[in-house]
């Protein structure tokens, strides 16, 4: 299966889907508002954030490789690992999720 882009008609959720949870600008914005000792703390936080981001990217790449998932685009969403994630991330109705799970 090949992912060609975001689903059409996603409406207001498109900003949620395209937002990067590891966005460095968002993280640095919250660190800079902490006050006087922010530069030293921000440097440590940035390094820790970058390490965590790299670990996440490696995990996603490994999952895609194992399942032969091919993606295209600037920032495709991470693959889902469970039907519960489908419900939590995209609001799939519970009855539909249960039907999919029961179908195998």
PDB file of N, CA and C in Angstrom:
ATOM      1  N   UNK A   1       0.840  -1.180   0.000  1.00  0.00           N
ATOM      2  CA  UNK A   1       0.000   0.000   0.000  1.00  0.00           C
ATOM      3  C   UNK A   1       0.883   1.240   0.000  1.00  0.00           C
ATOM      4  N   UNK A   2       0.429   2.249  -0.714  1.00  0.00           N
ATOM      5  CA  UNK A   2       1.215   3.466  -0.809  1.00  0.00           C
ATOM      6  C   UNK A   2       0.371   4.656  -0.411  1.00  0.00           C
ATOM      7  N   UNK A   3       0.884   5.471   0.461  1.00  0.00           N
ATOM      8  CA  UNK A   3       0.171   6.652   0.939  1.00  0.00           C
ATOM      9  C   UNK A   3       0.503   7.807   0.018  1.00  0.00           C
ATOM     10  N   UNK A   4      -0.522   8.432  -0.548  1.00  0.00           N
ATOM     11  CA  UNK A   4      -0.297   9.487  -1.528  1.00  0.00           C
ATOM     12  C   UNK A   4      -0.584  10.873  -0.972  1.00  0.00           C
ATOM     13  N   UNK A   5      -1.092  10.998   0.207  1.00  0.00           N
ATOM     14  CA  UNK A   5      -1.373  12.327   0.762  1.00  0.00           C
ATOM     15  C   UNK A   5      -2.426  12.259   1.838  1.00  0.00           C
ATOM     16  N   UNK A   6      -2.831  13.397   2.295  1.00  0.00           N
ATOM     17  CA  UNK A   6      -3.844  13.473   3.341  1.00  0.00           C
ATOM     18  C   UNK A   6      -5.223  13.190   2.757  1.00  0.00           C
ATOM     19  N   UNK A   7      -6.103  12.682   3.602  1.00  0.00           N
ATOM     20  CA  UNK A   7      -7.466  12.394   3.175  1.00  0.00           C
ATOM     21  C   UNK A   7      -8.194  13.690   2.843  1.00  0.00           C
ATOM     22  N   UNK A   8      -8.974  13.645   1.786  1.00  0.00           N
ATOM     23  CA  UNK A   8      -9.738  14.825   1.390  1.00  0.00           C
ATOM     24  C   UNK A   8     -10.857  15.068   2.380  1.00  0.00           C
ATOM     25  N   UNK A   9     -11.189  16.332   2.564  1.00  0.00           N
ATOM     26  CA  UNK A   9     -12.308  16.679   3.418  1.00  0.00           C
ATOM     27  C   UNK A   9     -12.009  16.565   4.895  1.00  0.00           C
ATOM     28  N   UNK A  10     -10.745  16.659   5.280  1.00  0.00           N
ATOM     29  CA  UNK A  10     -10.425  16.521   6.689  1.00  0.00           C
ATOM     30  C   UNK A  10     -10.746  17.781   7.477  1.00  0.00           C
ATOM     31  N   UNK A  11     -11.061  18.887   6.780  1.00  0.00           N
ATOM     32  CA  UNK A  11     -11.553  20.098   7.438  1.00  0.00           C
ATOM     33  C   UNK A  11     -10.603  20.661   8.454  1.00  0.00           C
ATOM     34  N   UNK A  12     -11.133  20.973   9.626  1.00  0.00           N
ATOM     35  CA  UNK A  12     -10.336  21.620  10.657  1.00  0.00           C
ATOM     36  C   UNK A  12      -9.282  20.698  11.247  1.00  0.00           C
ATOM     37  N   UNK A  13      -9.410  19.425  11.040  1.00  0.00           N
ATOM     38  CA  UNK A  13      -8.429  18.490  11.573  1.00  0.00           C
ATOM     39  C   UNK A  13      -7.123  18.518  10.778  1.00  0.00           C
ATOM     40  N   UNK A  14      -7.099  19.141   9.607  1.00  0.00           N
ATOM     41  CA  UNK A  14      -5.879  19.148   8.804  1.00  0.00           C
ATOM     42  C   UNK A  14      -4.733  19.810   9.545  1.00  0.00           C
ATOM     43  N   UNK A  15      -5.023  20.827  10.350  1.00  0.00           N
ATOM     44  CA  UNK A  15      -3.955  21.464  11.114  1.00  0.00           C
ATOM     45  C   UNK A  15      -3.436  20.520  12.197  1.00  0.00           C
ATOM     46  N   UNK A  16      -4.313  19.684  12.779  1.00  0.00           N
ATOM     47  CA  UNK A  16      -3.866  18.714  13.765  1.00  0.00           C
ATOM     48  C   UNK A  16      -2.982  17.664  13.120  1.00  0.00           C
ATOM     49  N   UNK A  17      -3.366  17.209  11.920  1.00  0.00           N
ATOM     50  CA  UNK A  17      -2.633  16.149  11.260  1.00  0.00           C
ATOM     51  C   UNK A  17      -1.277  16.623  10.773  1.00  0.00           C
ATOM     52  N   UNK A  18      -1.191  17.881  10.348  1.00  0.00           N
ATOM     53  CA  UNK A  18       0.063  18.362   9.797  1.00  0.00           C
ATOM     54  C   UNK A  18       0.984  18.911  10.865  1.00  0.00           C
ATOM     55  N   UNK A  19       0.478  19.099  12.089  1.00  0.00           N
ATOM     56  CA  UNK A  19       1.343  19.639  13.129  1.00  0.00           C
ATOM     57  C   UNK A  19       2.334  18.576  13.572  1.00  0.00           C
ATOM     58  N   UNK A  20       3.557  18.996  13.794  1.00  0.00           N
ATOM     59  CA  UNK A  20       4.629  18.101  14.187  1.00  0.00           C
ATOM     60  C   UNK A  20       4.731  18.094  15.707  1.00  0.00           C
ATOM     61  N   UNK A  21       4.485  16.944  16.370  1.00  0.00           N
ATOM     62  CA  UNK A  21       4.572  16.923  17.826  1.00  0.00           C
ATOM     63  C   UNK A  21       5.982  17.171  18.331  1.00  0.00           C
ATOM     64  N   UNK A  22       6.963  17.097  17.450  1.00  0.00           N
ATOM     65  CA  UNK A  22       8.357  17.293  17.832  1.00  0.00           C
ATOM     66  C   UNK A  22       8.859  18.637  17.333  1.00  0.00           C
ATOM     67  N   UNK A  23       7.942  19.552  17.029  1.00  0.00           N
ATOM     68  CA  UNK A  23       8.296  20.854  16.476  1.00  0.00           C
ATOM     69  C   UNK A  23       9.225  21.598  17.423  1.00  0.00           C
ATOM     70  N   UNK A  24      10.435  21.896  16.944  1.00  0.00           N
ATOM     71  CA  UNK A  24      11.427  22.562  17.782  1.00  0.00           C
ATOM     72  C   UNK A  24      11.029  23.994  18.104  1.00  0.00           C
ATOM     73  N   UNK A  25      10.336  24.679  17.191  1.00  0.00           N
ATOM     74  CA  UNK A  25       9.925  26.050  17.446  1.00  0.00           C
ATOM     75  C   UNK A  25       8.958  26.113  18.617  1.00  0.00           C
ATOM     76  N   UNK A  26       8.023  25.168  18.673  1.00  0.00           N
ATOM     77  CA  UNK A  26       7.062  25.138  19.772  1.00  0.00           C
ATOM     78  C   UNK A  26       7.777  24.861  21.092  1.00  0.00           C
ATOM     79  N   UNK A  27       8.743  23.952  21.052  1.00  0.00           N
ATOM     80  CA  UNK A  27       9.471  23.614  22.272  1.00  0.00           C
ATOM     81  C   UNK A  27      10.346  24.771  22.725  1.00  0.00           C
ATOM     82  N   UNK A  28      11.011  25.432  21.783  1.00  0.00           N
ATOM     83  CA  UNK A  28      11.880  26.539  22.175  1.00  0.00           C
ATOM     84  C   UNK A  28      11.058  27.726  22.649  1.00  0.00           C
ATOM     85  N   UNK A  29       9.846  27.884  22.123  1.00  0.00           N
ATOM     86  CA  UNK A  29       8.975  28.963  22.574  1.00  0.00           C
ATOM     87  C   UNK A  29       8.570  28.769  24.016  1.00  0.00           C
ATOM     88  N   UNK A  30       8.297  27.543  24.413  1.00  0.00           N
ATOM     89  CA  UNK A  30       7.913  27.306  25.797  1.00  0.00           C
ATOM     90  C   UNK A  30       9.117  27.404  26.726  1.00  0.00           C
ATOM     91  N   UNK A  31      10.304  27.072  26.245  1.00  0.00           N
ATOM     92  CA  UNK A  31      11.490  27.144  27.094  1.00  0.00           C
ATOM     93  C   UNK A  31      11.934  28.583  27.294  1.00  0.00           C
ATOM     94  N   UNK A  32      11.759  29.430  26.270  1.00  0.00           N
ATOM     95  CA  UNK A  32      12.238  30.799  26.388  1.00  0.00           C
ATOM     96  C   UNK A  32      11.368  31.638  27.324  1.00  0.00           C
ATOM     97  N   UNK A  33      10.169  31.174  27.626  1.00  0.00           N
ATOM     98  CA  UNK A  33       9.298  31.943  28.507  1.00  0.00           C
ATOM     99  C   UNK A  33       9.560  31.643  29.979  1.00  0.00           C
ATOM    100  N   UNK A  34      10.559  30.816  30.295  1.00  0.00           N
ATOM    101  CA  UNK A  34      10.780  30.417  31.673  1.00  0.00           C
ATOM    102  C   UNK A  34      11.580  31.421  32.489  1.00  0.00           C
ATOM    103  N   UNK A  35      12.254  32.394  31.862  1.00  0.00           N
ATOM    104  CA  UNK A  35      12.921  33.428  32.653  1.00  0.00           C
ATOM    105  C   UNK A  35      14.413  33.487  32.454  1.00  0.00           C
ATOM    106  N   UNK A  36      15.142  33.929  33.518  1.00  0.00           N
ATOM    107  CA  UNK A  36      16.552  34.260  33.452  1.00  0.00           C
ATOM    108  C   UNK A  36      17.482  33.141  33.037  1.00  0.00           C
ATOM    109  N   UNK A  37      17.363  31.932  33.566  1.00  0.00           N
ATOM    110  CA  UNK A  37      18.297  30.851  33.279  1.00  0.00           C
ATOM    111  C   UNK A  37      17.883  30.048  32.056  1.00  0.00           C
ATOM    112  N   UNK A  38      17.056  30.584  31.212  1.00  0.00           N
ATOM    113  CA  UNK A  38      16.526  29.860  30.067  1.00  0.00           C
ATOM    114  C   UNK A  38      17.585  29.400  29.071  1.00  0.00           C
ATOM    115  N   UNK A  39      18.626  30.182  28.718  1.00  0.00           N
ATOM    116  CA  UNK A  39      19.564  29.715  27.702  1.00  0.00           C
ATOM    117  C   UNK A  39      20.235  28.391  28.037  1.00  0.00           C
ATOM    118  N   UNK A  40      20.741  28.197  29.239  1.00  0.00           N
ATOM    119  CA  UNK A  40      21.386  26.939  29.597  1.00  0.00           C
ATOM    120  C   UNK A  40      20.369  25.798  29.623  1.00  0.00           C
ATOM    121  N   UNK A  41      19.215  26.059  30.196  1.00  0.00           N
ATOM    122  CA  UNK A  41      18.173  25.043  30.258  1.00  0.00           C
ATOM    123  C   UNK A  41      17.667  24.698  28.862  1.00  0.00           C
ATOM    124  N   UNK A  42      17.534  25.688  27.997  1.00  0.00           N
ATOM    125  CA  UNK A  42      17.058  25.468  26.634  1.00  0.00           C
ATOM    126  C   UNK A  42      18.032  24.602  25.859  1.00  0.00           C
ATOM    127  N   UNK A  43      19.347  24.785  26.074  1.00  0.00           N
ATOM    128  CA  UNK A  43      20.335  23.981  25.364  1.00  0.00           C
ATOM    129  C   UNK A  43      20.209  22.508  25.747  1.00  0.00           C
ATOM    130  N   UNK A  44      20.006  22.228  27.022  1.00  0.00           N
ATOM    131  CA  UNK A  44      19.830  20.854  27.470  1.00  0.00           C
ATOM    132  C   UNK A  44      18.516  20.310  26.934  1.00  0.00           C
ATOM    133  N   UNK A  45      17.476  21.090  27.020  1.00  0.00           N
ATOM    134  CA  UNK A  45      16.172  20.654  26.536  1.00  0.00           C
ATOM    135  C   UNK A  45      16.194  20.409  25.035  1.00  0.00           C
ATOM    136  N   UNK A  46      16.895  21.263  24.301  1.00  0.00           N
ATOM    137  CA  UNK A  46      16.984  21.087  22.850  1.00  0.00           C
ATOM    138  C   UNK A  46      17.692  19.784  22.512  1.00  0.00           C
ATOM    139  N   UNK A  47      18.788  19.487  23.192  1.00  0.00           N
ATOM    140  CA  UNK A  47      19.521  18.249  22.939  1.00  0.00           C
ATOM    141  C   UNK A  47      18.658  17.031  23.284  1.00  0.00           C
ATOM    142  N   UNK A  48      17.967  17.099  24.407  1.00  0.00           N
ATOM    143  CA  UNK A  48      17.099  15.995  24.811  1.00  0.00           C
ATOM    144  C   UNK A  48      15.940  15.830  23.833  1.00  0.00           C
ATOM    145  N   UNK A  49      15.373  16.956  23.396  1.00  0.00           N
ATOM    146  CA  UNK A  49      14.284  16.916  22.427  1.00  0.00           C
ATOM    147  C   UNK A  49      14.748  16.322  21.103  1.00  0.00           C
ATOM    148  N   UNK A  50      15.931  16.712  20.654  1.00  0.00           N
ATOM    149  CA  UNK A  50      16.464  16.197  19.390  1.00  0.00           C
ATOM    150  C   UNK A  50      16.724  14.691  19.476  1.00  0.00           C
ATOM    151  N   UNK A  51      17.248  14.236  20.609  1.00  0.00           N
ATOM    152  CA  UNK A  51      17.507  12.807  20.807  1.00  0.00           C
ATOM    153  C   UNK A  51      16.193  12.020  20.778  1.00  0.00           C
ATOM    154  N   UNK A  52      15.178  12.538  21.458  1.00  0.00           N
ATOM    155  CA  UNK A  52      13.871  11.892  21.483  1.00  0.00           C
ATOM    156  C   UNK A  52      13.234  11.884  20.093  1.00  0.00           C
ATOM    157  N   UNK A  53      13.367  12.994  19.379  1.00  0.00           N
ATOM    158  CA  UNK A  53      12.824  13.086  18.020  1.00  0.00           C
ATOM    159  C   UNK A  53      13.496  12.070  17.103  1.00  0.00           C
ATOM    160  N   UNK A  54      14.822  11.942  17.193  1.00  0.00           N
ATOM    161  CA  UNK A  54      15.552  10.981  16.363  1.00  0.00           C
ATOM    162  C   UNK A  54      15.147   9.542  16.683  1.00  0.00           C
ATOM    163  N   UNK A  55      14.942   9.257  17.972  1.00  0.00           N
ATOM    164  CA  UNK A  55      14.506   7.922  18.381  1.00  0.00           C
ATOM    165  C   UNK A  55      13.120   7.616  17.801  1.00  0.00           C
ATOM    166  N   UNK A  56      12.230   8.609  17.838  1.00  0.00           N
ATOM    167  CA  UNK A  56      10.885   8.443  17.286  1.00  0.00           C
ATOM    168  C   UNK A  56      10.946   8.192  15.781  1.00  0.00           C
ATOM    169  N   UNK A  57      11.752   8.972  15.075  1.00  0.00           N
ATOM    170  CA  UNK A  57      11.888   8.820  13.622  1.00  0.00           C
ATOM    171  C   UNK A  57      12.428   7.435  13.281  1.00  0.00           C
ATOM    172  N   UNK A  58      13.434   6.965  14.020  1.00  0.00           N
ATOM    173  CA  UNK A  58      13.987   5.625  13.788  1.00  0.00           C
ATOM    174  C   UNK A  58      12.933   4.548  13.997  1.00  0.00           C
ATOM    175  N   UNK A  59      12.129   4.707  15.042  1.00  0.00           N
ATOM    176  CA  UNK A  59      11.074   3.748  15.330  1.00  0.00           C
ATOM    177  C   UNK A  59      10.044   3.692  14.201  1.00  0.00           C
ATOM    178  N   UNK A  60       9.649   4.854  13.710  1.00  0.00           N
ATOM    179  CA  UNK A  60       8.672   4.920  12.613  1.00  0.00           C
ATOM    180  C   UNK A  60       9.253   4.333  11.335  1.00  0.00           C
ATOM    181  N   UNK A  61      10.518   4.646  11.036  1.00  0.00           N
ATOM    182  CA  UNK A  61      11.155   4.092   9.838  1.00  0.00           C
ATOM    183  C   UNK A  61      11.258   2.568   9.921  1.00  0.00           C
ATOM    184  N   UNK A  62      11.573   2.042  11.108  1.00  0.00           N
ATOM    185  CA  UNK A  62      11.654   0.599  11.290  1.00  0.00           C
ATOM    186  C   UNK A  62      10.282  -0.047  11.069  1.00  0.00           C
ATOM    187  N   UNK A  63       9.232   0.564  11.627  1.00  0.00           N
ATOM    188  CA  UNK A  63       7.872   0.042  11.464  1.00  0.00           C
ATOM    189  C   UNK A  63       7.464   0.042   9.991  1.00  0.00           C
ATOM    190  N   UNK A  64       7.746   1.139   9.298  1.00  0.00           N
ATOM    191  CA  UNK A  64       7.405   1.212   7.875  1.00  0.00           C
ATOM    192  C   UNK A  64       8.178   0.176   7.070  1.00  0.00           C
ATOM    193  N   UNK A  65       9.433  -0.025   7.392  1.00  0.00           N
ATOM    194  CA  UNK A  65      10.256  -1.002   6.682  1.00  0.00           C
ATOM    195  C   UNK A  65       9.741  -2.422   6.919  1.00  0.00           C
ATOM    196  N   UNK A  66       9.444  -2.758   8.171  1.00  0.00           N
ATOM    197  CA  UNK A  66       8.948  -4.092   8.512  1.00  0.00           C
ATOM    198  C   UNK A  66       7.660  -4.434   7.782  1.00  0.00           C
ATOM    199  N   UNK A  67       6.795  -3.457   7.606  1.00  0.00           N
ATOM    200  CA  UNK A  67       5.488  -3.698   6.990  1.00  0.00           C
ATOM    201  C   UNK A  67       5.422  -3.240   5.540  1.00  0.00           C
ATOM    202  N   UNK A  68       6.585  -2.897   4.983  1.00  0.00           N
ATOM    203  CA  UNK A  68       6.698  -2.461   3.584  1.00  0.00           C
ATOM    204  C   UNK A  68       5.744  -1.312   3.264  1.00  0.00           C
ATOM    205  N   UNK A  69       5.681  -0.343   4.141  1.00  0.00           N
ATOM    206  CA  UNK A  69       4.841   0.833   3.953  1.00  0.00           C
ATOM    207  C   UNK A  69       5.653   1.879   3.215  1.00  0.00           C
ATOM    208  N   UNK A  70       5.144   2.326   2.068  1.00  0.00           N
ATOM    209  CA  UNK A  70       5.806   3.374   1.303  1.00  0.00           C
ATOM    210  C   UNK A  70       4.969   4.638   1.395  1.00  0.00           C
ATOM    211  N   UNK A  71       5.616   5.760   1.650  1.00  0.00           N
ATOM    212  CA  UNK A  71       4.910   7.027   1.781  1.00  0.00           C
ATOM    213  C   UNK A  71       5.548   8.071   0.880  1.00  0.00           C
ATOM    214  N   UNK A  72       4.759   9.074   0.539  1.00  0.00           N
ATOM    215  CA  UNK A  72       5.233  10.212  -0.229  1.00  0.00           C
ATOM    216  C   UNK A  72       4.662  11.465   0.409  1.00  0.00           C
ATOM    217  N   UNK A  73       5.352  12.574   0.200  1.00  0.00           N
ATOM    218  CA  UNK A  73       4.856  13.839   0.718  1.00  0.00           C
ATOM    219  C   UNK A  73       5.833  14.442   1.702  1.00  0.00           C
ATOM    220  N   UNK A  74       5.580  15.688   2.036  1.00  0.00           N
ATOM    221  CA  UNK A  74       6.487  16.421   2.910  1.00  0.00           C
ATOM    222  C   UNK A  74       6.482  15.876   4.336  1.00  0.00           C
ATOM    223  N   UNK A  75       5.324  15.604   4.890  1.00  0.00           N
ATOM    224  CA  UNK A  75       5.259  15.101   6.270  1.00  0.00           C
ATOM    225  C   UNK A  75       4.056  14.176   6.444  1.00  0.00           C
ATOM    226  N   UNK A  76       4.169  12.953   5.945  1.00  0.00           N
ATOM    227  CA  UNK A  76       3.045  12.018   6.093  1.00  0.00           C
ATOM    228  C   UNK A  76       2.870  11.650   7.563  1.00  0.00           C
ATOM    229  N   UNK A  77       1.645  11.354   7.974  1.00  0.00           N
ATOM    230  CA  UNK A  77       1.411  11.006   9.381  1.00  0.00           C
ATOM    231  C   UNK A  77       2.075   9.679   9.728  1.00  0.00           C
ATOM    232  N   UNK A  78       2.364   9.492  10.990  1.00  0.00           N
ATOM    233  CA  UNK A  78       2.942   8.233  11.453  1.00  0.00           C
ATOM    234  C   UNK A  78       1.931   7.116  11.243  1.00  0.00           C
ATOM    235  N   UNK A  79       2.421   5.892  10.962  1.00  0.00           N
ATOM    236  CA  UNK A  79       1.486   4.772  10.804  1.00  0.00           C
ATOM    237  C   UNK A  79       0.824   4.438  12.142  1.00  0.00           C
ATOM    238  N   UNK A  80      -0.362   3.899  12.056  1.00  0.00           N
ATOM    239  CA  UNK A  80      -1.085   3.473  13.254  1.00  0.00           C
ATOM    240  C   UNK A  80      -0.631   2.071  13.629  1.00  0.00           C
ATOM    241  N   UNK A  81      -0.533   1.814  14.913  1.00  0.00           N
ATOM    242  CA  UNK A  81      -0.120   0.495  15.380  1.00  0.00           C
ATOM    243  C   UNK A  81      -1.270  -0.288  15.987  1.00  0.00           C
ATOM    244  N   UNK A  82      -2.435   0.360  16.172  1.00  0.00           N
ATOM    245  CA  UNK A  82      -3.584  -0.332  16.749  1.00  0.00           C
ATOM    246  C   UNK A  82      -4.863   0.367  16.310  1.00  0.00           C
ATOM    247  N   UNK A  83      -5.977  -0.337  16.448  1.00  0.00           N
ATOM    248  CA  UNK A  83      -7.270   0.261  16.134  1.00  0.00           C
ATOM    249  C   UNK A  83      -7.635   1.325  17.167  1.00  0.00           C
ATOM    250  N   UNK A  84      -7.110   1.196  18.374  1.00  0.00           N
ATOM    251  CA  UNK A  84      -7.363   2.202  19.390  1.00  0.00           C
ATOM    252  C   UNK A  84      -6.742   3.545  18.986  1.00  0.00           C
ATOM    253  N   UNK A  85      -5.561   3.497  18.337  1.00  0.00           N
ATOM    254  CA  UNK A  85      -4.936   4.722  17.852  1.00  0.00           C
ATOM    255  C   UNK A  85      -5.783   5.347  16.743  1.00  0.00           C
ATOM    256  N   UNK A  86      -6.412   4.529  15.924  1.00  0.00           N
ATOM    257  CA  UNK A  86      -7.290   5.039  14.870  1.00  0.00           C
ATOM    258  C   UNK A  86      -8.445   5.812  15.496  1.00  0.00           C
ATOM    259  N   UNK A  87      -8.991   5.290  16.575  1.00  0.00           N
ATOM    260  CA  UNK A  87     -10.067   5.963  17.288  1.00  0.00           C
ATOM    261  C   UNK A  87      -9.563   7.251  17.954  1.00  0.00           C
ATOM    262  N   UNK A  88      -8.440   7.163  18.647  1.00  0.00           N
ATOM    263  CA  UNK A  88      -7.920   8.315  19.393  1.00  0.00           C
ATOM    264  C   UNK A  88      -7.450   9.439  18.467  1.00  0.00           C
ATOM    265  N   UNK A  89      -6.779   9.096  17.384  1.00  0.00           N
ATOM    266  CA  UNK A  89      -6.187  10.108  16.512  1.00  0.00           C
ATOM    267  C   UNK A  89      -7.192  10.723  15.544  1.00  0.00           C
ATOM    268  N   UNK A  90      -8.117   9.899  15.023  1.00  0.00           N
ATOM    269  CA  UNK A  90      -9.014  10.383  13.974  1.00  0.00           C
ATOM    270  C   UNK A  90     -10.488  10.353  14.356  1.00  0.00           C
ATOM    271  N   UNK A  91     -10.800   9.945  15.576  1.00  0.00           N
ATOM    272  CA  UNK A  91     -12.185   9.976  16.029  1.00  0.00           C
ATOM    273  C   UNK A  91     -13.071   8.917  15.401  1.00  0.00           C
ATOM    274  N   UNK A  92     -12.503   7.779  15.035  1.00  0.00           N
ATOM    275  CA  UNK A  92     -13.295   6.694  14.466  1.00  0.00           C
ATOM    276  C   UNK A  92     -14.352   6.261  15.482  1.00  0.00           C
ATOM    277  N   UNK A  93     -15.617   6.176  15.071  1.00  0.00           N
ATOM    278  CA  UNK A  93     -16.662   5.768  16.021  1.00  0.00           C
ATOM    279  C   UNK A  93     -16.383   4.385  16.607  1.00  0.00           C
ATOM    280  N   UNK A  94     -16.730   4.221  17.870  1.00  0.00           N
ATOM    281  CA  UNK A  94     -16.481   2.964  18.569  1.00  0.00           C
ATOM    282  C   UNK A  94     -17.117   1.763  17.893  1.00  0.00           C
ATOM    283  N   UNK A  95     -18.351   1.920  17.401  1.00  0.00           N
ATOM    284  CA  UNK A  95     -19.030   0.793  16.761  1.00  0.00           C
ATOM    285  C   UNK A  95     -18.289   0.350  15.504  1.00  0.00           C
ATOM    286  N   UNK A  96     -17.735   1.293  14.738  1.00  0.00           N
ATOM    287  CA  UNK A  96     -17.003   0.937  13.525  1.00  0.00           C
ATOM    288  C   UNK A  96     -15.683   0.252  13.880  1.00  0.00           C
ATOM    289  N   UNK A  97     -15.007   0.773  14.900  1.00  0.00           N
ATOM    290  CA  UNK A  97     -13.750   0.165  15.353  1.00  0.00           C
ATOM    291  C   UNK A  97     -13.996  -1.281  15.796  1.00  0.00           C
ATOM    292  N   UNK A  98     -15.069  -1.517  16.572  1.00  0.00           N
ATOM    293  CA  UNK A  98     -15.384  -2.872  17.026  1.00  0.00           C
ATOM    294  C   UNK A  98     -15.676  -3.788  15.844  1.00  0.00           C
ATOM    295  N   UNK A  99     -16.380  -3.301  14.819  1.00  0.00           N
ATOM    296  CA  UNK A  99     -16.664  -4.108  13.625  1.00  0.00           C
ATOM    297  C   UNK A  99     -15.386  -4.468  12.877  1.00  0.00           C
ATOM    298  N   UNK A 100     -14.470  -3.534  12.775  1.00  0.00           N
ATOM    299  CA  UNK A 100     -13.197  -3.795  12.083  1.00  0.00           C
ATOM    300  C   UNK A 100     -12.388  -4.825  12.846  1.00  0.00           C
ATOM    301  N   UNK A 101     -12.308  -4.668  14.164  1.00  0.00           N
ATOM    302  CA  UNK A 101     -11.551  -5.597  15.002  1.00  0.00           C
ATOM    303  C   UNK A 101     -12.163  -6.992  14.912  1.00  0.00           C
ATOM    304  N   UNK A 102     -13.478  -7.097  14.967  1.00  0.00           N
ATOM    305  CA  UNK A 102     -14.124  -8.412  14.936  1.00  0.00           C
ATOM    306  C   UNK A 102     -13.977  -9.081  13.563  1.00  0.00           C
ATOM    307  N   UNK A 103     -13.814  -8.276  12.497  1.00  0.00           N
ATOM    308  CA  UNK A 103     -13.639  -8.838  11.156  1.00  0.00           C
ATOM    309  C   UNK A 103     -12.225  -9.388  10.958  1.00  0.00           C
ATOM    310  N   UNK A 104     -11.312  -8.992  11.817  1.00  0.00           N
ATOM    311  CA  UNK A 104      -9.951  -9.518  11.730  1.00  0.00           C
ATOM    312  C   UNK A 104      -9.073  -8.562  11.079  1.00  0.00           C
TER     313      UNK A 104
END
